[in-house]
């Protein structure tokens, strides 16, 4: 019974994060490593941990700017953790079922999106000057 309730709760929490993320510019979703993952301009910015490999977590794992992972985990380990694999790159695990306010979760997803977006070129790079021939 608990596992079924956990799965239902997990689906609702993941759907809420999905709606936040898909509202951001150029966001796409596909399955990566067995979990839904969110991408911007071809780069992953968030993925889910829905008891992945028996972790017992319902979480979103987000890209984060340098230093954010350490600060968040140290400041509030109930809500944040260093995820396996992606944690080595500074990503942050955000527990979705521990009562973290939704505006905070939404801000972290937006920050992950902004951290991962590739800068767009607005103009073509100028061609390098041609060497002149001596006559």
C-alpha atoms as a PDB file:
ATOM      1  CA  UNK A   1       0.000   0.000   0.000  1.00  0.00           C
ATOM      2  CA  UNK A   2       2.774   2.486   0.932  1.00  0.00           C
ATOM      3  CA  UNK A   3       4.649   1.792  -2.312  1.00  0.00           C
ATOM      4  CA  UNK A   4       1.514   2.407  -4.413  1.00  0.00           C
ATOM      5  CA  UNK A   5       0.858   5.672  -2.550  1.00  0.00           C
ATOM      6  CA  UNK A   6       4.527   6.657  -3.025  1.00  0.00           C
ATOM      7  CA  UNK A   7       4.247   6.039  -6.779  1.00  0.00           C
ATOM      8  CA  UNK A   8       1.079   8.138  -7.043  1.00  0.00           C
ATOM      9  CA  UNK A   9       2.628  10.929  -4.993  1.00  0.00           C
ATOM     10  CA  UNK A  10       5.821  10.691  -7.071  1.00  0.00           C
ATOM     11  CA  UNK A  11       3.874  11.020 -10.323  1.00  0.00           C
ATOM     12  CA  UNK A  12       2.130  14.169  -9.055  1.00  0.00           C
ATOM     13  CA  UNK A  13       5.381  15.751  -7.841  1.00  0.00           C
ATOM     14  CA  UNK A  14       7.231  14.930 -11.047  1.00  0.00           C
ATOM     15  CA  UNK A  15       4.365  16.279 -13.152  1.00  0.00           C
ATOM     16  CA  UNK A  16       4.450  19.562 -11.237  1.00  0.00           C
ATOM     17  CA  UNK A  17       8.195  19.979 -11.916  1.00  0.00           C
ATOM     18  CA  UNK A  18       7.673  18.941 -15.543  1.00  0.00           C
ATOM     19  CA  UNK A  19       5.087  21.720 -16.017  1.00  0.00           C
ATOM     20  CA  UNK A  20       7.476  24.297 -14.520  1.00  0.00           C
ATOM     21  CA  UNK A  21      10.304  23.174 -16.799  1.00  0.00           C
ATOM     22  CA  UNK A  22       8.295  22.843 -20.012  1.00  0.00           C
ATOM     23  CA  UNK A  23       7.110  26.439 -19.610  1.00  0.00           C
ATOM     24  CA  UNK A  24      10.719  27.593 -20.090  1.00  0.00           C
ATOM     25  CA  UNK A  25      11.987  28.558 -23.553  1.00  0.00           C
ATOM     26  CA  UNK A  26      13.278  25.799 -25.846  1.00  0.00           C
ATOM     27  CA  UNK A  27      12.740  23.016 -23.297  1.00  0.00           C
ATOM     28  CA  UNK A  28      12.270  19.459 -24.516  1.00  0.00           C
ATOM     29  CA  UNK A  29      11.832  16.191 -22.658  1.00  0.00           C
ATOM     30  CA  UNK A  30      13.003  12.670 -23.376  1.00  0.00           C
ATOM     31  CA  UNK A  31      13.923   9.541 -21.464  1.00  0.00           C
ATOM     32  CA  UNK A  32      17.572   9.357 -20.448  1.00  0.00           C
ATOM     33  CA  UNK A  33      19.014   6.543 -18.329  1.00  0.00           C
ATOM     34  CA  UNK A  34      15.505   5.254 -17.612  1.00  0.00           C
ATOM     35  CA  UNK A  35      14.104   8.528 -16.216  1.00  0.00           C
ATOM     36  CA  UNK A  36      12.454  11.562 -17.830  1.00  0.00           C
ATOM     37  CA  UNK A  37      15.036  14.266 -18.502  1.00  0.00           C
ATOM     38  CA  UNK A  38      14.686  17.911 -19.530  1.00  0.00           C
ATOM     39  CA  UNK A  39      16.863  19.573 -22.152  1.00  0.00           C
ATOM     40  CA  UNK A  40      17.505  23.076 -23.448  1.00  0.00           C
ATOM     41  CA  UNK A  41      19.324  23.633 -26.755  1.00  0.00           C
ATOM     42  CA  UNK A  42      20.423  19.998 -26.703  1.00  0.00           C
ATOM     43  CA  UNK A  43      21.837  20.055 -23.166  1.00  0.00           C
ATOM     44  CA  UNK A  44      20.273  18.300 -20.203  1.00  0.00           C
ATOM     45  CA  UNK A  45      19.432  20.658 -17.344  1.00  0.00           C
ATOM     46  CA  UNK A  46      17.328  18.408 -15.106  1.00  0.00           C
ATOM     47  CA  UNK A  47      16.350  14.795 -14.635  1.00  0.00           C
ATOM     48  CA  UNK A  48      14.295  12.886 -12.117  1.00  0.00           C
ATOM     49  CA  UNK A  49      15.103  10.352  -9.435  1.00  0.00           C
ATOM     50  CA  UNK A  50      11.907   8.381  -8.913  1.00  0.00           C
ATOM     51  CA  UNK A  51      13.361   5.702  -6.652  1.00  0.00           C
ATOM     52  CA  UNK A  52      16.010   5.182  -9.345  1.00  0.00           C
ATOM     53  CA  UNK A  53      17.978   2.004  -8.556  1.00  0.00           C
ATOM     54  CA  UNK A  54      16.112   1.794  -5.233  1.00  0.00           C
ATOM     55  CA  UNK A  55      17.348   5.172  -3.968  1.00  0.00           C
ATOM     56  CA  UNK A  56      14.134   5.744  -1.990  1.00  0.00           C
ATOM     57  CA  UNK A  57      14.018   9.326  -3.274  1.00  0.00           C
ATOM     58  CA  UNK A  58      11.511  11.365  -5.212  1.00  0.00           C
ATOM     59  CA  UNK A  59      13.687  14.167  -6.509  1.00  0.00           C
ATOM     60  CA  UNK A  60      14.673  16.375  -9.358  1.00  0.00           C
ATOM     61  CA  UNK A  61      18.391  16.558 -10.123  1.00  0.00           C
ATOM     62  CA  UNK A  62      19.375  19.954 -11.517  1.00  0.00           C
ATOM     63  CA  UNK A  63      22.400  21.557 -13.074  1.00  0.00           C
ATOM     64  CA  UNK A  64      23.687  24.333 -10.826  1.00  0.00           C
ATOM     65  CA  UNK A  65      26.194  27.170 -11.057  1.00  0.00           C
ATOM     66  CA  UNK A  66      29.600  26.713  -9.411  1.00  0.00           C
ATOM     67  CA  UNK A  67      29.448  26.690  -5.612  1.00  0.00           C
ATOM     68  CA  UNK A  68      25.671  26.251  -5.366  1.00  0.00           C
ATOM     69  CA  UNK A  69      25.796  22.520  -4.645  1.00  0.00           C
ATOM     70  CA  UNK A  70      28.009  22.871  -1.581  1.00  0.00           C
ATOM     71  CA  UNK A  71      26.087  25.839  -0.203  1.00  0.00           C
ATOM     72  CA  UNK A  72      22.664  24.208  -0.571  1.00  0.00           C
ATOM     73  CA  UNK A  73      23.645  20.805   0.824  1.00  0.00           C
ATOM     74  CA  UNK A  74      25.548  22.301   3.729  1.00  0.00           C
ATOM     75  CA  UNK A  75      22.722  24.727   4.501  1.00  0.00           C
ATOM     76  CA  UNK A  76      19.810  22.291   4.250  1.00  0.00           C
ATOM     77  CA  UNK A  77      20.651  18.579   3.879  1.00  0.00           C
ATOM     78  CA  UNK A  78      17.003  17.610   4.477  1.00  0.00           C
ATOM     79  CA  UNK A  79      16.025  19.063   1.103  1.00  0.00           C
ATOM     80  CA  UNK A  80      19.263  18.838  -0.909  1.00  0.00           C
ATOM     81  CA  UNK A  81      21.804  16.104  -1.648  1.00  0.00           C
ATOM     82  CA  UNK A  82      24.756  15.341  -3.887  1.00  0.00           C
ATOM     83  CA  UNK A  83      23.414  12.969  -6.531  1.00  0.00           C
ATOM     84  CA  UNK A  84      25.459  10.021  -7.781  1.00  0.00           C
ATOM     85  CA  UNK A  85      27.273  10.574 -11.089  1.00  0.00           C
ATOM     86  CA  UNK A  86      26.038  14.103 -11.851  1.00  0.00           C
ATOM     87  CA  UNK A  87      26.973  15.358  -8.394  1.00  0.00           C
ATOM     88  CA  UNK A  88      30.647  15.261  -9.376  1.00  0.00           C
ATOM     89  CA  UNK A  89      29.832  17.980 -11.931  1.00  0.00           C
ATOM     90  CA  UNK A  90      28.188  20.249  -9.366  1.00  0.00           C
ATOM     91  CA  UNK A  91      24.588  19.148  -9.946  1.00  0.00           C
ATOM     92  CA  UNK A  92      22.197  19.265  -7.009  1.00  0.00           C
ATOM     93  CA  UNK A  93      19.559  16.750  -5.932  1.00  0.00           C
ATOM     94  CA  UNK A  94      16.339  18.384  -4.723  1.00  0.00           C
ATOM     95  CA  UNK A  95      13.989  16.195  -2.689  1.00  0.00           C
ATOM     96  CA  UNK A  96      10.422  16.817  -3.809  1.00  0.00           C
ATOM     97  CA  UNK A  97       8.661  15.126  -0.903  1.00  0.00           C
ATOM     98  CA  UNK A  98      10.260  16.872   2.093  1.00  0.00           C
ATOM     99  CA  UNK A  99       8.182  20.049   2.155  1.00  0.00           C
ATOM    100  CA  UNK A 100      10.494  22.401   0.269  1.00  0.00           C
ATOM    101  CA  UNK A 101       8.334  25.327  -0.924  1.00  0.00           C
ATOM    102  CA  UNK A 102       7.372  25.145  -4.606  1.00  0.00           C
ATOM    103  CA  UNK A 103       8.639  28.653  -5.414  1.00  0.00           C
ATOM    104  CA  UNK A 104      12.113  27.506  -4.297  1.00  0.00           C
ATOM    105  CA  UNK A 105      11.902  24.380  -6.469  1.00  0.00           C
ATOM    106  CA  UNK A 106      10.729  26.476  -9.435  1.00  0.00           C
ATOM    107  CA  UNK A 107      13.646  28.898  -8.946  1.00  0.00           C
ATOM    108  CA  UNK A 108      16.129  26.008  -8.903  1.00  0.00           C
ATOM    109  CA  UNK A 109      14.672  24.569 -12.117  1.00  0.00           C
ATOM    110  CA  UNK A 110      14.846  27.996 -13.793  1.00  0.00           C
ATOM    111  CA  UNK A 111      18.434  28.416 -12.587  1.00  0.00           C
ATOM    112  CA  UNK A 112      19.336  24.956 -13.967  1.00  0.00           C
ATOM    113  CA  UNK A 113      17.829  25.951 -17.309  1.00  0.00           C
ATOM    114  CA  UNK A 114      19.778  29.233 -17.376  1.00  0.00           C
ATOM    115  CA  UNK A 115      23.008  27.471 -16.370  1.00  0.00           C
ATOM    116  CA  UNK A 116      22.672  24.936 -19.185  1.00  0.00           C
ATOM    117  CA  UNK A 117      21.505  27.095 -22.070  1.00  0.00           C
ATOM    118  CA  UNK A 118      24.071  27.584 -24.798  1.00  0.00           C
ATOM    119  CA  UNK A 119      24.653  31.195 -25.741  1.00  0.00           C
ATOM    120  CA  UNK A 120      23.196  31.950 -29.133  1.00  0.00           C
ATOM    121  CA  UNK A 121      25.243  33.736 -31.747  1.00  0.00           C
ATOM    122  CA  UNK A 122      23.455  36.813 -32.901  1.00  0.00           C
ATOM    123  CA  UNK A 123      25.855  37.572 -35.745  1.00  0.00           C
ATOM    124  CA  UNK A 124      28.387  35.560 -37.644  1.00  0.00           C
ATOM    125  CA  UNK A 125      31.939  35.823 -36.390  1.00  0.00           C
ATOM    126  CA  UNK A 126      34.036  38.119 -38.555  1.00  0.00           C
ATOM    127  CA  UNK A 127      36.431  36.404 -40.914  1.00  0.00           C
ATOM    128  CA  UNK A 128      40.077  36.717 -39.946  1.00  0.00           C
ATOM    129  CA  UNK A 129      42.031  39.238 -42.022  1.00  0.00           C
ATOM    130  CA  UNK A 130      43.765  37.818 -45.064  1.00  0.00           C
ATOM    131  CA  UNK A 131      47.512  38.147 -45.195  1.00  0.00           C
ATOM    132  CA  UNK A 132      48.687  40.467 -47.927  1.00  0.00           C
ATOM    133  CA  UNK A 133      50.967  39.191 -50.598  1.00  0.00           C
ATOM    134  CA  UNK A 134      54.176  41.030 -51.225  1.00  0.00           C
ATOM    135  CA  UNK A 135      54.969  41.740 -54.846  1.00  0.00           C
END
